[in-house]
Amino acid sequence: MLALLRLIRFQNLLIIAATQYIMRYCIIYPFLKINKFSLQLDNLHFFLLVLSTVLIAAAGYVINDYFDTGTDRLNRPDKVVIDRSVHRRHAMLYHFILNFAGVGLGIYLSYYIGVTGLSLIFVLAAGLLWFYSTHYKRQFLIGNLVVSTMTGVVPLMVILYEMPLLNREYGLLMISYQANFNYIFFWVMAFSFFAFLTTLLREIIKDAEDFEGDSAYGMNTMPIMIGQKSTKIVIASLVGVNLVLLVGIFTRFLLYQGSSIDYISAAYFFVFLFSPFVFLLIKIIRAKTKNDFHFASQLTKFIMLTGMLYAFVVRYIVLYVIS
């Protein structure tokens, strides 16, 4: 059982589930509550939405390890599970069962909310994760973009399955007031875009960390194709983009009560986002060894986590400061 939990990256799956619950109760719920609206997707069906997302992600981790055993023996020998604790045939069976259950739940939920087209998201996600493991991750930048997109979709799924029900319940009222729920969508989209950018950043850093093993197996990752120095420039540029966006978002959107400064968000941004990004930039510039890039990867993971946890600050401000 422990080997299976390691194979499906149980800790990462908990983060995925937590992210979706955070979007629901720290972003969507507070904005609805202060406007006297309520969530429309019931708790059971929301749980099924989270479960379907987690199942497809778990299937992706399994199939990735299945095709990546060789490079993992060089890059992360202590984390290899397939062929040691889990038989390859069993791993493929787990992949099929997890995908079948995840896609099946996604199709059911899409029919339940009356937007059958959304079921394609689950089918495409399962397919992309398969082709990522077999082809895309070996190609220049494509694999990084696939993983980043999949990560960015995780928080977005929450509003995609809530919005149709909100419009159905409150649509006529919103039309009479010439209003809509787009502002909630944009808030969730901001978190999704942050998840996309930071995941892209971390994936490229991990490629720099895994340069030796990936090169031995003929992969065409960015460090192999353009060199470590040029890759560091790309990474530093992505960090710079994140810093600029953080400053822009704060100065443009995180203000309330006229021109008053949101000091809570300012303090959070400086301590948990801006400062770590600056520190990451310094570490990347100085990085030379595999351990240096591993530290940068872990620091990026910390930034991703604190970025998502900012949703708790949003909840507090919306429910107890603005209201």
Foldseek 3Di string as FASTA:
>chain_A
DVLLCLQLVVVVLVVLLVLQVLLVVLQVALVQVVVVHHFDQDPVLSVLLSLLLSLLSSLLSLLLLLLCVQLCCVQPVVSRREPPPHDSVVSVVSSVVSLVSSLVSLQVLCVVLPNNVSSVVSVVSSVLSNCLSVPQVLDELRSLQNVLLSQLCSNLVNCVSRQSRCCVVCVVVCVVVVHGDVVSNVVSNVLSVVSSLLSSLLVLLVCLLSVVSSVVVNGDYPCVPPNLVVSLVVSLVSLVVQLVVLVVCQCPPQADDPRDHPVVVVVLCVPQPNVLSVVLNVLSVVDDHSVSSVVSSVSSVSSSVSSSVCSNVSSCCSNPPRD
